[in-house]
Amino acid sequence: QVQFVESGGGLVQPGGSLRLSCSASRRILGFYTVGWYRQAPGKQRDMVATITFGYDTSTNYADSVKGRFTISTDNTQNTVYLQMDSLKPEDTAVYYCNRPEWATNGNGWGQGTQVTVSS
């Protein structure tokens, strides 16, 4: 079973940048999708970005992060990244990575990594 471990969170001031990493325990061949999600205290968990692997890759983003966040992968290190630029206080949340197929039925969630955007 593939498991994901998130890292790279921390405290950053508004307008700053942060890069999150999602490391997979095992590489999956063929087409599959990995997503970044976030959950603020007292709120539900929402998707912020996805990347789909195949012969090439495709990405999509939530409207709230378009133009500011970039999802990418390092195939050699088997890691999915989330580059976050122009961070806003409303980006503060615990960030998770997961397979959408697992997320829809409540499975696959790890510990996440805390991102705090504050002056």
C-alpha atoms as a PDB file:
ATOM      1  CA  GLN A   1       0.000   0.000   0.000  1.00  0.00           C
ATOM      2  CA  VAL A   2       1.384   3.408  -0.988  1.00  0.00           C
ATOM      3  CA  GLN A   3       1.667   5.873   1.889  1.00  0.00           C
ATOM      4  CA  PHE A   4       2.524   9.557   1.788  1.00  0.00           C
ATOM      5  CA  VAL A   5       4.565  11.660   4.177  1.00  0.00           C
ATOM      6  CA  GLU A   6       4.247  15.445   4.096  1.00  0.00           C
ATOM      7  CA  SER A   7       6.960  17.895   5.082  1.00  0.00           C
ATOM      8  CA  GLY A   8       8.133  21.460   4.543  1.00  0.00           C
ATOM      9  CA  GLY A   9       5.544  23.417   6.484  1.00  0.00           C
ATOM     10  CA  GLY A  10       6.350  26.261   8.806  1.00  0.00           C
ATOM     11  CA  LEU A  11       5.742  29.877   9.689  1.00  0.00           C
ATOM     12  CA  VAL A  12       5.975  32.460   6.919  1.00  0.00           C
ATOM     13  CA  GLN A  13       4.922  36.089   6.648  1.00  0.00           C
ATOM     14  CA  PRO A  14       2.303  37.263   4.140  1.00  0.00           C
ATOM     15  CA  GLY A  15       3.732  37.502   0.640  1.00  0.00           C
ATOM     16  CA  GLY A  16       6.351  34.896   1.403  1.00  0.00           C
ATOM     17  CA  SER A  17       6.959  31.482  -0.105  1.00  0.00           C
ATOM     18  CA  LEU A  18       7.122  27.909   1.069  1.00  0.00           C
ATOM     19  CA  ARG A  19       7.637  24.561  -0.639  1.00  0.00           C
ATOM     20  CA  LEU A  20       5.919  21.455   0.639  1.00  0.00           C
ATOM     21  CA  SER A  21       7.027  17.923  -0.149  1.00  0.00           C
ATOM     22  CA  CYS A  22       4.986  14.750  -0.402  1.00  0.00           C
ATOM     23  CA  SER A  23       7.096  11.609  -0.402  1.00  0.00           C
ATOM     24  CA  ALA A  24       5.578   8.319  -1.513  1.00  0.00           C
ATOM     25  CA  SER A  25       6.648   5.053   0.029  1.00  0.00           C
ATOM     26  CA  ARG A  26       6.276   3.302  -3.320  1.00  0.00           C
ATOM     27  CA  ARG A  27       6.141   4.378  -6.961  1.00  0.00           C
ATOM     28  CA  ILE A  28       2.969   3.626  -8.881  1.00  0.00           C
ATOM     29  CA  LEU A  29       3.212   2.845 -12.587  1.00  0.00           C
ATOM     30  CA  GLY A  30       0.694   4.087 -15.116  1.00  0.00           C
ATOM     31  CA  PHE A  31      -1.832   6.871 -14.799  1.00  0.00           C
ATOM     32  CA  TYR A  32      -2.632   8.079 -11.315  1.00  0.00           C
ATOM     33  CA  THR A  33      -3.305  11.303  -9.489  1.00  0.00           C
ATOM     34  CA  VAL A  34      -1.909  12.828  -6.313  1.00  0.00           C
ATOM     35  CA  GLY A  35      -3.540  15.817  -4.680  1.00  0.00           C
ATOM     36  CA  TRP A  36      -2.659  18.402  -2.099  1.00  0.00           C
ATOM     37  CA  TYR A  37      -5.400  19.227   0.400  1.00  0.00           C
ATOM     38  CA  ARG A  38      -5.649  21.620   3.300  1.00  0.00           C
ATOM     39  CA  GLN A  39      -7.747  21.942   6.411  1.00  0.00           C
ATOM     40  CA  ALA A  40      -8.005  25.020   8.591  1.00  0.00           C
ATOM     41  CA  PRO A  41      -9.135  24.693  12.229  1.00  0.00           C
ATOM     42  CA  GLY A  42     -12.868  24.095  12.458  1.00  0.00           C
ATOM     43  CA  LYS A  43     -13.279  23.737   8.698  1.00  0.00           C
ATOM     44  CA  GLN A  44     -13.534  20.841   6.282  1.00  0.00           C
ATOM     45  CA  ARG A  45     -10.641  19.579   4.225  1.00  0.00           C
ATOM     46  CA  ASP A  46     -10.490  20.929   0.663  1.00  0.00           C
ATOM     47  CA  MET A  47      -8.405  20.133  -2.386  1.00  0.00           C
ATOM     48  CA  VAL A  48      -5.967  22.820  -3.498  1.00  0.00           C
ATOM     49  CA  ALA A  49      -4.063  21.149  -6.354  1.00  0.00           C
ATOM     50  CA  THR A  50      -3.679  17.843  -8.192  1.00  0.00           C
ATOM     51  CA  ILE A  51      -1.147  16.321 -10.538  1.00  0.00           C
ATOM     52  CA  THR A  52      -1.879  13.389 -12.828  1.00  0.00           C
ATOM     53  CA  PHE A  53       0.957  11.153 -13.988  1.00  0.00           C
ATOM     54  CA  GLY A  54       1.220   9.321 -17.284  1.00  0.00           C
ATOM     55  CA  TYR A  55       3.394   9.664 -20.349  1.00  0.00           C
ATOM     56  CA  ASP A  56       3.187  13.338 -19.505  1.00  0.00           C
ATOM     57  CA  THR A  57       1.593  15.181 -16.616  1.00  0.00           C
ATOM     58  CA  SER A  58      -1.385  17.436 -16.075  1.00  0.00           C
ATOM     59  CA  THR A  59      -2.269  19.690 -13.179  1.00  0.00           C
ATOM     60  CA  ASN A  60      -5.238  21.559 -11.809  1.00  0.00           C
ATOM     61  CA  TYR A  61      -5.775  24.042  -9.003  1.00  0.00           C
ATOM     62  CA  ALA A  62      -8.463  25.429  -6.796  1.00  0.00           C
ATOM     63  CA  ASP A  63      -9.462  28.945  -7.795  1.00  0.00           C
ATOM     64  CA  SER A  64      -8.180  30.304  -4.498  1.00  0.00           C
ATOM     65  CA  VAL A  65      -4.579  29.309  -5.271  1.00  0.00           C
ATOM     66  CA  LYS A  66      -4.357  29.680  -9.056  1.00  0.00           C
ATOM     67  CA  GLY A  67      -1.367  31.760 -10.074  1.00  0.00           C
ATOM     68  CA  ARG A  68       0.216  31.405  -6.642  1.00  0.00           C
ATOM     69  CA  PHE A  69       0.720  27.661  -6.094  1.00  0.00           C
ATOM     70  CA  THR A  70       2.497  25.203  -8.371  1.00  0.00           C
ATOM     71  CA  ILE A  71       2.317  21.430  -8.051  1.00  0.00           C
ATOM     72  CA  SER A  72       5.149  19.403  -9.558  1.00  0.00           C
ATOM     73  CA  THR A  73       7.018  16.148  -9.212  1.00  0.00           C
ATOM     74  CA  ASP A  74      10.591  14.974  -8.919  1.00  0.00           C
ATOM     75  CA  ASN A  75      10.503  11.510 -10.475  1.00  0.00           C
ATOM     76  CA  THR A  76      13.989  10.583  -9.307  1.00  0.00           C
ATOM     77  CA  GLN A  77      13.112  11.236  -5.677  1.00  0.00           C
ATOM     78  CA  ASN A  78       9.527   9.995  -6.018  1.00  0.00           C
ATOM     79  CA  THR A  79       8.226  13.189  -4.471  1.00  0.00           C
ATOM     80  CA  VAL A  80       5.381  15.593  -5.250  1.00  0.00           C
ATOM     81  CA  TYR A  81       5.938  19.239  -4.397  1.00  0.00           C
ATOM     82  CA  LEU A  82       3.696  22.184  -3.756  1.00  0.00           C
ATOM     83  CA  GLN A  83       5.445  25.495  -4.327  1.00  0.00           C
ATOM     84  CA  MET A  84       3.463  28.213  -2.584  1.00  0.00           C
ATOM     85  CA  ASP A  85       4.163  31.845  -3.454  1.00  0.00           C
ATOM     86  CA  SER A  86       2.463  35.093  -2.473  1.00  0.00           C
ATOM     87  CA  LEU A  87       1.108  33.427   0.632  1.00  0.00           C
ATOM     88  CA  LYS A  88      -1.878  34.929   2.417  1.00  0.00           C
ATOM     89  CA  PRO A  89      -3.135  34.503   5.987  1.00  0.00           C
ATOM     90  CA  GLU A  90      -6.098  32.547   4.629  1.00  0.00           C
ATOM     91  CA  ASP A  91      -3.652  29.912   3.367  1.00  0.00           C
ATOM     92  CA  THR A  92      -3.000  28.940   6.982  1.00  0.00           C
ATOM     93  CA  ALA A  93      -3.933  25.276   7.401  1.00  0.00           C
ATOM     94  CA  VAL A  94      -2.626  21.774   7.787  1.00  0.00           C
ATOM     95  CA  TYR A  95      -1.642  20.529   4.339  1.00  0.00           C
ATOM     96  CA  TYR A  96      -2.008  16.904   3.299  1.00  0.00           C
ATOM     97  CA  CYS A  97      -1.294  14.849   0.215  1.00  0.00           C
ATOM     98  CA  ASN A  98      -3.400  11.889  -0.797  1.00  0.00           C
ATOM     99  CA  ARG A  99      -4.833   9.932  -3.692  1.00  0.00           C
ATOM    100  CA  PRO A 100      -8.242  11.367  -4.621  1.00  0.00           C
ATOM    101  CA  GLU A 101      -9.591   7.821  -4.898  1.00  0.00           C
ATOM    102  CA  TRP A 102      -8.682   7.262  -1.269  1.00  0.00           C
ATOM    103  CA  ALA A 103      -9.702  10.701  -0.073  1.00  0.00           C
ATOM    104  CA  THR A 104     -13.271  10.299  -1.317  1.00  0.00           C
ATOM    105  CA  ASN A 105     -13.875   7.442   1.110  1.00  0.00           C
ATOM    106  CA  GLY A 106     -11.880   8.903   3.998  1.00  0.00           C
ATOM    107  CA  ASN A 107      -8.764   6.783   3.585  1.00  0.00           C
ATOM    108  CA  GLY A 108      -5.089   7.566   3.119  1.00  0.00           C
ATOM    109  CA  TRP A 109      -4.771  10.611   5.369  1.00  0.00           C
ATOM    110  CA  GLY A 110      -1.474  11.118   7.162  1.00  0.00           C
ATOM    111  CA  GLN A 111      -0.315  13.646   9.720  1.00  0.00           C
ATOM    112  CA  GLY A 112      -0.001  16.554   7.312  1.00  0.00           C
ATOM    113  CA  THR A 113       2.286  19.549   7.681  1.00  0.00           C
ATOM    114  CA  GLN A 114       1.328  22.846   9.303  1.00  0.00           C
ATOM    115  CA  VAL A 115       1.528  26.051   7.276  1.00  0.00           C
ATOM    116  CA  THR A 116       1.041  29.295   9.162  1.00  0.00           C
ATOM    117  CA  VAL A 117       0.997  32.631   7.340  1.00  0.00           C
ATOM    118  CA  SER A 118       1.200  35.509   9.787  1.00  0.00           C
ATOM    119  CA  SER A 119       2.965  38.794  10.416  1.00  0.00           C
END
